[in-house]
């Protein structure tokens, strides 16, 4: 493990040029800068496929102190372009740690940037909105970095789903539980329903929570055929379809939208989270829009409109469904930061979705009941 920090340079599309230090991979990368307000869980965030194409600025000032370990991975790789932190702690101390954050990032060719004013960057993104940037530990020239950024495609022009989705279908059988604050894995409980999970960049803990809810899981690639799933539903080999989270602009995913429209017509029970929530809106004819700086963190208040209770939720999205969708769906959850829609139940259809992450990881588990709601919906549809 190397504790040596190297020089790094950042150029943002608003013309801001900054010097910093670098840990992790020695490289030059282009991506979209966002900020995340989570107090913990940096490994889960970096390995969440939904962050593909993005530099994550952490508002938590001290990062790296608990190292990383294989069990906390949300996928098989680190998908974010890089992480930006105030202070990187190379000397980690945790009984579960297996290696340093720097070594982890190096293995996955991901940049780590530190010794920079993350409060300044966060306020910039908050005021001006998420923007593209380039970071390098190799190039110090502002003009050269500017030229690289100007030639690079924007995040909304790239289909990251093709990169992060599984290439082969598989069965997920592990579940998680927490004992004395430690997450461990256990054998799946007996299933009361079975679903196909469309992998747009699914997090492992979403799959774990689905299994915890007594739902059998087969994960399939994003290039699924609705016709195949409809046949399986009619043959009762599946009871519903789950549309997962994932990176990028949902309006780019034309093929997926068309297949989802067919599933909707077939009246198959469907549950969507984050990107899946957005794709359901688009498939119903209501296009999503981009938020100014998105919602990223593990401490966002959401009001459950059915119970009146406020749930503290995990969030990770730059896009949102329009208010006009209330023409065809009832709002079940509302974001208390900006009153945007966080949950929908479609009228006269066995379909519902949420924008936030009920599986958290990192974050609170107050919304985990939603997975049980899906099981009940599928049982009701079979009556």
Foldseek 3Di string as FASTA:
>chain_A
DDPDWFKKWKAFPVGDIDIFTKFAAAFKDKAKEFEAAAQDQPQQVQQQQQQARYEYEYPNAEPFQAADADVLHQADAGRHQEYEHADYDQHHDDPRHDHTPRHRRNVRNHMYTYNDDSVVVNVCCVVQFIGMMMMGSPDDDSVVRNVVRVPDDYLQVDQCLVVQWDPAKDWDFWAWDADPRDIDIDGFDAAPFEEEEEPSRATPLVVRLLSNLRYTYIYDYLQDALVVVLVCCVVRVHLAYEYERHYHALVVPVNSLVRVLSVQVSLGQYEYEASGQQSVLVSVPWHKDFARRFHAYAAWWKAQPVVRDIDGFGADHGIATDPVCVVFWDQGMATPVPRGGAKTDGPPGNYIYGNTDCSPSPHDNRNSCVSNVSVVSSVVVVD
